[in-house]
Amino acid sequence: MKAHLRRIRISPKKANVVAGLIRGKNAQEATDILRFTSNKGAKIIGKCLASAIANAENNHDKKREDLVIDEVIINKGPVYKRHLPSSRGRALPLSKPTTHISIYLKDAPVEATNE
């Protein structure tokens, strides 16, 4: 149960800060955390998490309440290179980093009840 986003226009360093908030959490709890985090990365990772949850529900017949985030992998993507016009006819280099985001879900461990 997984979802991937490729070539997202955000720095991997900034996306990894948001990903650290949800690693190892319950999928429903992670969705709530991302919904109330005011970052560009939170919105993007929230969409990827929603896609992973939908994949688990539709393709693997899992329940949303039973899912736990196994891994959130943030990798560096290609860097778009642009130029910024400057004075005296010069052009300064401008790099626009991209990110690959992968979210893997697993079933929550079953808690044993002793009665």
PDB file of N, CA and C in Angstrom:
ATOM      1  N   MET A   1       0.840  -1.149   0.000  1.00  0.00           N
ATOM      2  CA  MET A   1       0.000   0.000   0.000  1.00  0.00           C
ATOM      3  C   MET A   1       0.899   1.230   0.000  1.00  0.00           C
ATOM      4  N   LYS A   2       0.891   1.916  -1.127  1.00  0.00           N
ATOM      5  CA  LYS A   2       1.834   3.014  -1.289  1.00  0.00           C
ATOM      6  C   LYS A   2       1.286   4.055  -2.241  1.00  0.00           C
ATOM      7  N   ALA A   3       1.947   5.211  -2.230  1.00  0.00           N
ATOM      8  CA  ALA A   3       1.638   6.284  -3.168  1.00  0.00           C
ATOM      9  C   ALA A   3       2.919   7.065  -3.413  1.00  0.00           C
ATOM     10  N   HIS A   4       3.071   7.562  -4.636  1.00  0.00           N
ATOM     11  CA  HIS A   4       4.259   8.317  -5.016  1.00  0.00           C
ATOM     12  C   HIS A   4       3.846   9.636  -5.665  1.00  0.00           C
ATOM     13  N   LEU A   5       4.611  10.666  -5.403  1.00  0.00           N
ATOM     14  CA  LEU A   5       4.511  11.931  -6.133  1.00  0.00           C
ATOM     15  C   LEU A   5       5.898  12.242  -6.666  1.00  0.00           C
ATOM     16  N   ARG A   6       5.982  12.604  -7.911  1.00  0.00           N
ATOM     17  CA  ARG A   6       7.272  12.848  -8.538  1.00  0.00           C
ATOM     18  C   ARG A   6       7.367  14.305  -9.000  1.00  0.00           C
ATOM     19  N   ARG A   7       8.578  14.835  -8.958  1.00  0.00           N
ATOM     20  CA  ARG A   7       8.904  16.168  -9.469  1.00  0.00           C
ATOM     21  C   ARG A   7       8.008  17.264  -8.900  1.00  0.00           C
ATOM     22  N   ILE A   8       7.824  17.244  -7.594  1.00  0.00           N
ATOM     23  CA  ILE A   8       7.020  18.260  -6.928  1.00  0.00           C
ATOM     24  C   ILE A   8       7.898  19.473  -6.656  1.00  0.00           C
ATOM     25  N   ARG A   9       7.396  20.666  -6.950  1.00  0.00           N
ATOM     26  CA  ARG A   9       8.207  21.885  -6.851  1.00  0.00           C
ATOM     27  C   ARG A   9       8.291  22.398  -5.418  1.00  0.00           C
ATOM     28  N   ILE A  10       9.032  21.662  -4.600  1.00  0.00           N
ATOM     29  CA  ILE A  10       9.341  22.082  -3.247  1.00  0.00           C
ATOM     30  C   ILE A  10      10.712  21.515  -2.921  1.00  0.00           C
ATOM     31  N   SER A  11      11.450  22.196  -2.085  1.00  0.00           N
ATOM     32  CA  SER A  11      12.773  21.726  -1.691  1.00  0.00           C
ATOM     33  C   SER A  11      12.646  20.458  -0.840  1.00  0.00           C
ATOM     34  N   PRO A  12      13.509  19.455  -1.066  1.00  0.00           N
ATOM     35  CA  PRO A  12      13.436  18.241  -0.254  1.00  0.00           C
ATOM     36  C   PRO A  12      13.683  18.523   1.228  1.00  0.00           C
ATOM     37  N   LYS A  13      14.500  19.513   1.508  1.00  0.00           N
ATOM     38  CA  LYS A  13      14.790  19.868   2.901  1.00  0.00           C
ATOM     39  C   LYS A  13      13.529  20.377   3.608  1.00  0.00           C
ATOM     40  N   LYS A  14      12.743  21.184   2.926  1.00  0.00           N
ATOM     41  CA  LYS A  14      11.512  21.711   3.508  1.00  0.00           C
ATOM     42  C   LYS A  14      10.437  20.630   3.616  1.00  0.00           C
ATOM     43  N   ALA A  15      10.375  19.741   2.628  1.00  0.00           N
ATOM     44  CA  ALA A  15       9.382  18.668   2.661  1.00  0.00           C
ATOM     45  C   ALA A  15       9.708  17.658   3.761  1.00  0.00           C
ATOM     46  N   ASN A  16      10.982  17.438   4.030  1.00  0.00           N
ATOM     47  CA  ASN A  16      11.382  16.456   5.028  1.00  0.00           C
ATOM     48  C   ASN A  16      11.016  16.910   6.444  1.00  0.00           C
ATOM     49  N   VAL A  17      10.990  18.208   6.681  1.00  0.00           N
ATOM     50  CA  VAL A  17      10.578  18.726   7.985  1.00  0.00           C
ATOM     51  C   VAL A  17       9.120  18.343   8.258  1.00  0.00           C
ATOM     52  N   VAL A  18       8.269  18.488   7.260  1.00  0.00           N
ATOM     53  CA  VAL A  18       6.854  18.151   7.410  1.00  0.00           C
ATOM     54  C   VAL A  18       6.680  16.635   7.507  1.00  0.00           C
ATOM     55  N   ALA A  19       7.459  15.885   6.748  1.00  0.00           N
ATOM     56  CA  ALA A  19       7.353  14.427   6.773  1.00  0.00           C
ATOM     57  C   ALA A  19       7.709  13.872   8.148  1.00  0.00           C
ATOM     58  N   GLY A  20       8.609  14.546   8.852  1.00  0.00           N
ATOM     59  CA  GLY A  20       8.990  14.104  10.186  1.00  0.00           C
ATOM     60  C   GLY A  20       7.844  14.179  11.179  1.00  0.00           C
ATOM     61  N   LEU A  21       6.850  15.015  10.920  1.00  0.00           N
ATOM     62  CA  LEU A  21       5.708  15.138  11.819  1.00  0.00           C
ATOM     63  C   LEU A  21       4.813  13.902  11.800  1.00  0.00           C
ATOM     64  N   ILE A  22       4.798  13.171  10.686  1.00  0.00           N
ATOM     65  CA  ILE A  22       3.826  12.079  10.547  1.00  0.00           C
ATOM     66  C   ILE A  22       4.444  10.685  10.523  1.00  0.00           C
ATOM     67  N   ARG A  23       5.760  10.577  10.550  1.00  0.00           N
ATOM     68  CA  ARG A  23       6.388   9.257  10.478  1.00  0.00           C
ATOM     69  C   ARG A  23       5.972   8.392  11.668  1.00  0.00           C
ATOM     70  N   GLY A  24       5.502   7.164  11.385  1.00  0.00           N
ATOM     71  CA  GLY A  24       5.142   6.220  12.430  1.00  0.00           C
ATOM     72  C   GLY A  24       3.773   6.430  13.054  1.00  0.00           C
ATOM     73  N   LYS A  25       3.018   7.404  12.596  1.00  0.00           N
ATOM     74  CA  LYS A  25       1.710   7.699  13.187  1.00  0.00           C
ATOM     75  C   LYS A  25       0.606   6.917  12.487  1.00  0.00           C
ATOM     76  N   ASN A  26      -0.550   6.892  13.126  1.00  0.00           N
ATOM     77  CA  ASN A  26      -1.754   6.330  12.544  1.00  0.00           C
ATOM     78  C   ASN A  26      -2.136   7.194  11.339  1.00  0.00           C
ATOM     79  N   ALA A  27      -2.686   6.588  10.291  1.00  0.00           N
ATOM     80  CA  ALA A  27      -2.996   7.331   9.061  1.00  0.00           C
ATOM     81  C   ALA A  27      -4.024   8.434   9.308  1.00  0.00           C
ATOM     82  N   GLN A  28      -5.036   8.152  10.136  1.00  0.00           N
ATOM     83  CA  GLN A  28      -6.059   9.156  10.420  1.00  0.00           C
ATOM     84  C   GLN A  28      -5.473  10.318  11.222  1.00  0.00           C
ATOM     85  N   GLU A  29      -4.625  10.007  12.190  1.00  0.00           N
ATOM     86  CA  GLU A  29      -3.973  11.043  12.999  1.00  0.00           C
ATOM     87  C   GLU A  29      -3.043  11.896  12.134  1.00  0.00           C
ATOM     88  N   ALA A  30      -2.314  11.248  11.224  1.00  0.00           N
ATOM     89  CA  ALA A  30      -1.406  11.968  10.334  1.00  0.00           C
ATOM     90  C   ALA A  30      -2.179  12.907   9.412  1.00  0.00           C
ATOM     91  N   THR A  31      -3.344  12.476   8.946  1.00  0.00           N
ATOM     92  CA  THR A  31      -4.180  13.332   8.103  1.00  0.00           C
ATOM     93  C   THR A  31      -4.595  14.591   8.860  1.00  0.00           C
ATOM     94  N   ASP A  32      -4.974  14.426  10.131  1.00  0.00           N
ATOM     95  CA  ASP A  32      -5.367  15.578  10.945  1.00  0.00           C
ATOM     96  C   ASP A  32      -4.194  16.519  11.195  1.00  0.00           C
ATOM     97  N   ILE A  33      -3.016  15.955  11.449  1.00  0.00           N
ATOM     98  CA  ILE A  33      -1.822  16.778  11.673  1.00  0.00           C
ATOM     99  C   ILE A  33      -1.518  17.620  10.438  1.00  0.00           C
ATOM    100  N   LEU A  34      -1.563  16.987   9.266  1.00  0.00           N
ATOM    101  CA  LEU A  34      -1.246  17.712   8.031  1.00  0.00           C
ATOM    102  C   LEU A  34      -2.302  18.756   7.698  1.00  0.00           C
ATOM    103  N   ARG A  35      -3.553  18.475   8.038  1.00  0.00           N
ATOM    104  CA  ARG A  35      -4.627  19.419   7.735  1.00  0.00           C
ATOM    105  C   ARG A  35      -4.442  20.735   8.490  1.00  0.00           C
ATOM    106  N   PHE A  36      -3.906  20.655   9.716  1.00  0.00           N
ATOM    107  CA  PHE A  36      -3.769  21.851  10.531  1.00  0.00           C
ATOM    108  C   PHE A  36      -2.343  22.390  10.595  1.00  0.00           C
ATOM    109  N   THR A  37      -1.472  21.912   9.705  1.00  0.00           N
ATOM    110  CA  THR A  37      -0.121  22.447   9.595  1.00  0.00           C
ATOM    111  C   THR A  37      -0.098  23.422   8.428  1.00  0.00           C
ATOM    112  N   SER A  38       0.382  24.637   8.689  1.00  0.00           N
ATOM    113  CA  SER A  38       0.318  25.669   7.653  1.00  0.00           C
ATOM    114  C   SER A  38       1.644  25.750   6.902  1.00  0.00           C
ATOM    115  N   ASN A  39       1.911  24.761   6.089  1.00  0.00           N
ATOM    116  CA  ASN A  39       3.092  24.739   5.226  1.00  0.00           C
ATOM    117  C   ASN A  39       2.667  24.317   3.831  1.00  0.00           C
ATOM    118  N   LYS A  40       3.433  24.719   2.856  1.00  0.00           N
ATOM    119  CA  LYS A  40       3.189  24.243   1.494  1.00  0.00           C
ATOM    120  C   LYS A  40       3.391  22.732   1.440  1.00  0.00           C
ATOM    121  N   GLY A  41       4.421  22.244   2.146  1.00  0.00           N
ATOM    122  CA  GLY A  41       4.720  20.816   2.153  1.00  0.00           C
ATOM    123  C   GLY A  41       3.624  19.983   2.783  1.00  0.00           C
ATOM    124  N   ALA A  42       2.919  20.537   3.772  1.00  0.00           N
ATOM    125  CA  ALA A  42       1.851  19.801   4.444  1.00  0.00           C
ATOM    126  C   ALA A  42       0.700  19.520   3.485  1.00  0.00           C
ATOM    127  N   LYS A  43       0.385  20.487   2.653  1.00  0.00           N
ATOM    128  CA  LYS A  43      -0.698  20.300   1.680  1.00  0.00           C
ATOM    129  C   LYS A  43      -0.319  19.233   0.646  1.00  0.00           C
ATOM    130  N   ILE A  44       0.922  19.275   0.184  1.00  0.00           N
ATOM    131  CA  ILE A  44       1.388  18.328  -0.829  1.00  0.00           C
ATOM    132  C   ILE A  44       1.459  16.914  -0.258  1.00  0.00           C
ATOM    133  N   ILE A  45       2.058  16.769   0.921  1.00  0.00           N
ATOM    134  CA  ILE A  45       2.182  15.449   1.534  1.00  0.00           C
ATOM    135  C   ILE A  45       0.803  14.931   1.932  1.00  0.00           C
ATOM    136  N   GLY A  46      -0.108  15.828   2.292  1.00  0.00           N
ATOM    137  CA  GLY A  46      -1.482  15.427   2.603  1.00  0.00           C
ATOM    138  C   GLY A  46      -2.177  14.792   1.410  1.00  0.00           C
ATOM    139  N   LYS A  47      -1.945  15.343   0.221  1.00  0.00           N
ATOM    140  CA  LYS A  47      -2.529  14.759  -0.986  1.00  0.00           C
ATOM    141  C   LYS A  47      -1.957  13.380  -1.266  1.00  0.00           C
ATOM    142  N   CYS A  48      -0.645  13.223  -1.051  1.00  0.00           N
ATOM    143  CA  CYS A  48      -0.006  11.932  -1.273  1.00  0.00           C
ATOM    144  C   CYS A  48      -0.519  10.899  -0.262  1.00  0.00           C
ATOM    145  N   LEU A  49      -0.692  11.315   0.989  1.00  0.00           N
ATOM    146  CA  LEU A  49      -1.214  10.419   2.022  1.00  0.00           C
ATOM    147  C   LEU A  49      -2.652  10.016   1.714  1.00  0.00           C
ATOM    148  N   ALA A  50      -3.457  10.956   1.251  1.00  0.00           N
ATOM    149  CA  ALA A  50      -4.837  10.643   0.879  1.00  0.00           C
ATOM    150  C   ALA A  50      -4.869   9.629  -0.263  1.00  0.00           C
ATOM    151  N   SER A  51      -3.941   9.751  -1.186  1.00  0.00           N
ATOM    152  CA  SER A  51      -3.852   8.802  -2.296  1.00  0.00           C
ATOM    153  C   SER A  51      -3.450   7.411  -1.806  1.00  0.00           C
ATOM    154  N   ALA A  52      -2.506   7.360  -0.860  1.00  0.00           N
ATOM    155  CA  ALA A  52      -2.074   6.070  -0.313  1.00  0.00           C
ATOM    156  C   ALA A  52      -3.209   5.403   0.455  1.00  0.00           C
ATOM    157  N   ILE A  53      -3.980   6.181   1.213  1.00  0.00           N
ATOM    158  CA  ILE A  53      -5.113   5.628   1.955  1.00  0.00           C
ATOM    159  C   ILE A  53      -6.174   5.116   0.993  1.00  0.00           C
ATOM    160  N   ALA A  54      -6.452   5.865  -0.066  1.00  0.00           N
ATOM    161  CA  ALA A  54      -7.433   5.438  -1.072  1.00  0.00           C
ATOM    162  C   ALA A  54      -6.974   4.166  -1.772  1.00  0.00           C
ATOM    163  N   ASN A  55      -5.656   4.065  -2.051  1.00  0.00           N
ATOM    164  CA  ASN A  55      -5.131   2.838  -2.661  1.00  0.00           C
ATOM    165  C   ASN A  55      -5.328   1.644  -1.740  1.00  0.00           C
ATOM    166  N   ALA A  56      -5.100   1.840  -0.445  1.00  0.00           N
ATOM    167  CA  ALA A  56      -5.250   0.749   0.521  1.00  0.00           C
ATOM    168  C   ALA A  56      -6.711   0.321   0.627  1.00  0.00           C
ATOM    169  N   GLU A  57      -7.622   1.290   0.647  1.00  0.00           N
ATOM    170  CA  GLU A  57      -9.041   0.960   0.786  1.00  0.00           C
ATOM    171  C   GLU A  57      -9.594   0.291  -0.467  1.00  0.00           C
ATOM    172  N   ASN A  58      -9.252   0.792  -1.636  1.00  0.00           N
ATOM    173  CA  ASN A  58      -9.838   0.292  -2.876  1.00  0.00           C
ATOM    174  C   ASN A  58      -9.139  -0.941  -3.429  1.00  0.00           C
ATOM    175  N   ASN A  59      -7.809  -0.983  -3.335  1.00  0.00           N
ATOM    176  CA  ASN A  59      -7.068  -2.075  -3.952  1.00  0.00           C
ATOM    177  C   ASN A  59      -6.809  -3.246  -3.015  1.00  0.00           C
ATOM    178  N   HIS A  60      -6.720  -2.968  -1.701  1.00  0.00           N
ATOM    179  CA  HIS A  60      -6.354  -4.020  -0.752  1.00  0.00           C
ATOM    180  C   HIS A  60      -7.432  -4.291   0.293  1.00  0.00           C
ATOM    181  N   ASP A  61      -8.587  -3.645   0.172  1.00  0.00           N
ATOM    182  CA  ASP A  61      -9.721  -3.833   1.098  1.00  0.00           C
ATOM    183  C   ASP A  61      -9.329  -3.651   2.561  1.00  0.00           C
ATOM    184  N   LYS A  62      -8.595  -2.608   2.849  1.00  0.00           N
ATOM    185  CA  LYS A  62      -8.196  -2.281   4.222  1.00  0.00           C
ATOM    186  C   LYS A  62      -9.082  -1.159   4.743  1.00  0.00           C
ATOM    187  N   LYS A  63      -9.148  -1.055   6.072  1.00  0.00           N
ATOM    188  CA  LYS A  63      -9.911   0.026   6.696  1.00  0.00           C
ATOM    189  C   LYS A  63      -8.969   1.155   7.071  1.00  0.00           C
ATOM    190  N   ARG A  64      -9.449   2.376   6.938  1.00  0.00           N
ATOM    191  CA  ARG A  64      -8.658   3.564   7.224  1.00  0.00           C
ATOM    192  C   ARG A  64      -8.150   3.575   8.669  1.00  0.00           C
ATOM    193  N   GLU A  65      -8.954   3.076   9.591  1.00  0.00           N
ATOM    194  CA  GLU A  65      -8.592   3.098  11.014  1.00  0.00           C
ATOM    195  C   GLU A  65      -7.448   2.143  11.336  1.00  0.00           C
ATOM    196  N   ASP A  66      -7.245   1.115  10.492  1.00  0.00           N
ATOM    197  CA  ASP A  66      -6.236   0.095  10.762  1.00  0.00           C
ATOM    198  C   ASP A  66      -4.875   0.405  10.134  1.00  0.00           C
ATOM    199  N   LEU A  67      -4.749   1.521   9.440  1.00  0.00           N
ATOM    200  CA  LEU A  67      -3.519   1.820   8.705  1.00  0.00           C
ATOM    201  C   LEU A  67      -2.560   2.668   9.529  1.00  0.00           C
ATOM    202  N   VAL A  68      -1.276   2.340   9.413  1.00  0.00           N
ATOM    203  CA  VAL A  68      -0.203   3.080  10.075  1.00  0.00           C
ATOM    204  C   VAL A  68       0.828   3.435   9.011  1.00  0.00           C
ATOM    205  N   ILE A  69       1.432   4.601   9.134  1.00  0.00           N
ATOM    206  CA  ILE A  69       2.457   5.008   8.176  1.00  0.00           C
ATOM    207  C   ILE A  69       3.735   4.246   8.473  1.00  0.00           C
ATOM    208  N   ASP A  70       4.168   3.450   7.516  1.00  0.00           N
ATOM    209  CA  ASP A  70       5.384   2.653   7.665  1.00  0.00           C
ATOM    210  C   ASP A  70       6.606   3.495   7.330  1.00  0.00           C
ATOM    211  N   GLU A  71       6.577   4.141   6.157  1.00  0.00           N
ATOM    212  CA  GLU A  71       7.710   4.957   5.714  1.00  0.00           C
ATOM    213  C   GLU A  71       7.207   6.191   4.969  1.00  0.00           C
ATOM    214  N   VAL A  72       7.912   7.282   5.151  1.00  0.00           N
ATOM    215  CA  VAL A  72       7.728   8.477   4.317  1.00  0.00           C
ATOM    216  C   VAL A  72       9.111   8.813   3.791  1.00  0.00           C
ATOM    217  N   ILE A  73       9.297   8.643   2.490  1.00  0.00           N
ATOM    218  CA  ILE A  73      10.610   8.848   1.884  1.00  0.00           C
ATOM    219  C   ILE A  73      10.573  10.121   1.045  1.00  0.00           C
ATOM    220  N   ILE A  74      11.502  11.016   1.343  1.00  0.00           N
ATOM    221  CA  ILE A  74      11.636  12.273   0.600  1.00  0.00           C
ATOM    222  C   ILE A  74      12.982  12.226  -0.119  1.00  0.00           C
ATOM    223  N   ASN A  75      12.954  12.207  -1.428  1.00  0.00           N
ATOM    224  CA  ASN A  75      14.182  12.167  -2.231  1.00  0.00           C
ATOM    225  C   ASN A  75      14.300  13.422  -3.082  1.00  0.00           C
ATOM    226  N   LYS A  76      15.534  13.733  -3.438  1.00  0.00           N
ATOM    227  CA  LYS A  76      15.798  14.875  -4.297  1.00  0.00           C
ATOM    228  C   LYS A  76      15.463  14.517  -5.743  1.00  0.00           C
ATOM    229  N   GLY A  77      14.755  15.417  -6.405  1.00  0.00           N
ATOM    230  CA  GLY A  77      14.433  15.235  -7.811  1.00  0.00           C
ATOM    231  C   GLY A  77      15.344  16.088  -8.671  1.00  0.00           C
ATOM    232  N   PRO A  78      15.048  16.213  -9.953  1.00  0.00           N
ATOM    233  CA  PRO A  78      15.871  17.062 -10.813  1.00  0.00           C
ATOM    234  C   PRO A  78      15.722  18.533 -10.434  1.00  0.00           C
ATOM    235  N   VAL A  79      16.773  19.296 -10.678  1.00  0.00           N
ATOM    236  CA  VAL A  79      16.756  20.727 -10.375  1.00  0.00           C
ATOM    237  C   VAL A  79      16.529  21.481 -11.677  1.00  0.00           C
ATOM    238  N   TYR A  80      15.468  22.294 -11.698  1.00  0.00           N
ATOM    239  CA  TYR A  80      15.194  23.106 -12.872  1.00  0.00           C
ATOM    240  C   TYR A  80      16.093  24.329 -12.818  1.00  0.00           C
ATOM    241  N   LYS A  81      16.833  24.575 -13.890  1.00  0.00           N
ATOM    242  CA  LYS A  81      17.772  25.691 -13.905  1.00  0.00           C
ATOM    243  C   LYS A  81      17.213  26.810 -14.767  1.00  0.00           C
ATOM    244  N   ARG A  82      17.078  27.972 -14.159  1.00  0.00           N
ATOM    245  CA  ARG A  82      16.542  29.148 -14.828  1.00  0.00           C
ATOM    246  C   ARG A  82      17.534  30.296 -14.654  1.00  0.00           C
ATOM    247  N   HIS A  83      17.229  31.423 -15.266  1.00  0.00           N
ATOM    248  CA  HIS A  83      18.074  32.612 -15.131  1.00  0.00           C
ATOM    249  C   HIS A  83      17.240  33.781 -14.647  1.00  0.00           C
ATOM    250  N   LEU A  84      17.868  34.600 -13.813  1.00  0.00           N
ATOM    251  CA  LEU A  84      17.234  35.785 -13.269  1.00  0.00           C
ATOM    252  C   LEU A  84      17.909  37.006 -13.876  1.00  0.00           C
ATOM    253  N   PRO A  85      17.174  37.844 -14.590  1.00  0.00           N
ATOM    254  CA  PRO A  85      17.784  39.033 -15.178  1.00  0.00           C
ATOM    255  C   PRO A  85      18.369  39.940 -14.098  1.00  0.00           C
ATOM    256  N   SER A  86      19.524  40.480 -14.379  1.00  0.00           N
ATOM    257  CA  SER A  86      20.206  41.342 -13.423  1.00  0.00           C
ATOM    258  C   SER A  86      20.654  42.616 -14.136  1.00  0.00           C
ATOM    259  N   SER A  87      21.316  43.477 -13.415  1.00  0.00           N
ATOM    260  CA  SER A  87      21.728  44.753 -13.986  1.00  0.00           C
ATOM    261  C   SER A  87      22.849  44.575 -15.018  1.00  0.00           C
ATOM    262  N   ARG A  88      22.999  45.548 -15.871  1.00  0.00           N
ATOM    263  CA  ARG A  88      24.042  45.591 -16.900  1.00  0.00           C
ATOM    264  C   ARG A  88      23.988  44.416 -17.874  1.00  0.00           C
ATOM    265  N   GLY A  89      22.794  43.908 -18.123  1.00  0.00           N
ATOM    266  CA  GLY A  89      22.636  42.857 -19.115  1.00  0.00           C
ATOM    267  C   GLY A  89      23.048  41.470 -18.654  1.00  0.00           C
ATOM    268  N   ARG A  90      23.345  41.316 -17.383  1.00  0.00           N
ATOM    269  CA  ARG A  90      23.761  40.003 -16.888  1.00  0.00           C
ATOM    270  C   ARG A  90      22.542  39.143 -16.559  1.00  0.00           C
ATOM    271  N   ALA A  91      22.807  37.863 -16.357  1.00  0.00           N
ATOM    272  CA  ALA A  91      21.766  36.933 -15.918  1.00  0.00           C
ATOM    273  C   ALA A  91      22.354  36.082 -14.792  1.00  0.00           C
ATOM    274  N   LEU A  92      21.679  36.055 -13.658  1.00  0.00           N
ATOM    275  CA  LEU A  92      22.143  35.269 -12.524  1.00  0.00           C
ATOM    276  C   LEU A  92      21.457  33.900 -12.530  1.00  0.00           C
ATOM    277  N   PRO A  93      22.190  32.852 -12.140  1.00  0.00           N
ATOM    278  CA  PRO A  93      21.580  31.518 -12.131  1.00  0.00           C
ATOM    279  C   PRO A  93      20.519  31.398 -11.032  1.00  0.00           C
ATOM    280  N   LEU A  94      19.465  30.670 -11.336  1.00  0.00           N
ATOM    281  CA  LEU A  94      18.381  30.438 -10.400  1.00  0.00           C
ATOM    282  C   LEU A  94      18.029  28.963 -10.474  1.00  0.00           C
ATOM    283  N   SER A  95      18.158  28.240  -9.373  1.00  0.00           N
ATOM    284  CA  SER A  95      17.842  26.807  -9.386  1.00  0.00           C
ATOM    285  C   SER A  95      16.542  26.573  -8.637  1.00  0.00           C
ATOM    286  N   LYS A  96      15.686  25.735  -9.220  1.00  0.00           N
ATOM    287  CA  LYS A  96      14.391  25.415  -8.628  1.00  0.00           C
ATOM    288  C   LYS A  96      14.376  23.923  -8.328  1.00  0.00           C
ATOM    289  N   PRO A  97      14.598  23.545  -7.069  1.00  0.00           N
ATOM    290  CA  PRO A  97      14.687  22.130  -6.717  1.00  0.00           C
ATOM    291  C   PRO A  97      13.325  21.441  -6.756  1.00  0.00           C
ATOM    292  N   THR A  98      13.340  20.154  -7.037  1.00  0.00           N
ATOM    293  CA  THR A  98      12.120  19.340  -7.011  1.00  0.00           C
ATOM    294  C   THR A  98      12.322  18.165  -6.064  1.00  0.00           C
ATOM    295  N   THR A  99      11.220  17.524  -5.734  1.00  0.00           N
ATOM    296  CA  THR A  99      11.228  16.470  -4.735  1.00  0.00           C
ATOM    297  C   THR A  99      10.396  15.285  -5.209  1.00  0.00           C
ATOM    298  N   HIS A 100      10.850  14.087  -4.858  1.00  0.00           N
ATOM    299  CA  HIS A 100      10.062  12.868  -5.031  1.00  0.00           C
ATOM    300  C   HIS A 100       9.587  12.442  -3.645  1.00  0.00           C
ATOM    301  N   ILE A 101       8.280  12.191  -3.504  1.00  0.00           N
ATOM    302  CA  ILE A 101       7.702  11.798  -2.218  1.00  0.00           C
ATOM    303  C   ILE A 101       7.083  10.414  -2.364  1.00  0.00           C
ATOM    304  N   SER A 102       7.420   9.512  -1.426  1.00  0.00           N
ATOM    305  CA  SER A 102       6.834   8.173  -1.396  1.00  0.00           C
ATOM    306  C   SER A 102       6.309   7.908   0.005  1.00  0.00           C
ATOM    307  N   ILE A 103       5.074   7.427   0.087  1.00  0.00           N
ATOM    308  CA  ILE A 103       4.470   7.071   1.370  1.00  0.00           C
ATOM    309  C   ILE A 103       4.050   5.607   1.312  1.00  0.00           C
ATOM    310  N   TYR A 104       4.499   4.836   2.311  1.00  0.00           N
ATOM    311  CA  TYR A 104       4.163   3.419   2.428  1.00  0.00           C
ATOM    312  C   TYR A 104       3.351   3.214   3.697  1.00  0.00           C
ATOM    313  N   LEU A 105       2.240   2.490   3.580  1.00  0.00           N
ATOM    314  CA  LEU A 105       1.375   2.204   4.716  1.00  0.00           C
ATOM    315  C   LEU A 105       1.433   0.722   5.058  1.00  0.00           C
ATOM    316  N   LYS A 106       1.105   0.394   6.310  1.00  0.00           N
ATOM    317  CA  LYS A 106       1.012  -1.006   6.732  1.00  0.00           C
ATOM    318  C   LYS A 106      -0.155  -1.135   7.695  1.00  0.00           C
ATOM    319  N   ASP A 107      -0.537  -2.366   7.988  1.00  0.00           N
ATOM    320  CA  ASP A 107      -1.593  -2.622   8.958  1.00  0.00           C
ATOM    321  C   ASP A 107      -1.073  -2.350  10.359  1.00  0.00           C
ATOM    322  N   ALA A 108      -1.950  -1.842  11.210  1.00  0.00           N
ATOM    323  CA  ALA A 108      -1.583  -1.592  12.598  1.00  0.00           C
ATOM    324  C   ALA A 108      -1.402  -2.942  13.304  1.00  0.00           C
ATOM    325  N   PRO A 109      -0.417  -3.047  14.207  1.00  0.00           N
ATOM    326  CA  PRO A 109      -0.260  -4.289  14.949  1.00  0.00           C
ATOM    327  C   PRO A 109      -1.478  -4.531  15.845  1.00  0.00           C
ATOM    328  N   VAL A 110      -1.893  -5.777  15.924  1.00  0.00           N
ATOM    329  CA  VAL A 110      -3.065  -6.133  16.723  1.00  0.00           C
ATOM    330  C   VAL A 110      -2.639  -6.190  18.184  1.00  0.00           C
ATOM    331  N   GLU A 111      -3.355  -5.432  19.009  1.00  0.00           N
ATOM    332  CA  GLU A 111      -3.035  -5.408  20.443  1.00  0.00           C
ATOM    333  C   GLU A 111      -3.719  -6.573  21.133  1.00  0.00           C
ATOM    334  N   ALA A 112      -2.953  -7.307  21.938  1.00  0.00           N
ATOM    335  CA  ALA A 112      -3.511  -8.446  22.664  1.00  0.00           C
ATOM    336  C   ALA A 112      -4.205  -7.946  23.927  1.00  0.00           C
ATOM    337  N   THR A 113      -5.403  -8.441  24.179  1.00  0.00           N
ATOM    338  CA  THR A 113      -6.142  -8.056  25.385  1.00  0.00           C
ATOM    339  C   THR A 113      -6.100  -9.193  26.377  1.00  0.00           C
ATOM    340  N   ASN A 114      -5.680  -8.912  27.598  1.00  0.00           N
ATOM    341  CA  ASN A 114      -5.613  -9.923  28.638  1.00  0.00           C
ATOM    342  C   ASN A 114      -6.774  -9.727  29.604  1.00  0.00           C
ATOM    343  N   GLU A 115      -7.685 -10.678  29.602  1.00  0.00           N
ATOM    344  CA  GLU A 115      -8.836 -10.596  30.484  1.00  0.00           C
ATOM    345  C   GLU A 115      -8.941 -11.816  31.342  1.00  0.00           C
TER     346      GLU A 115
END
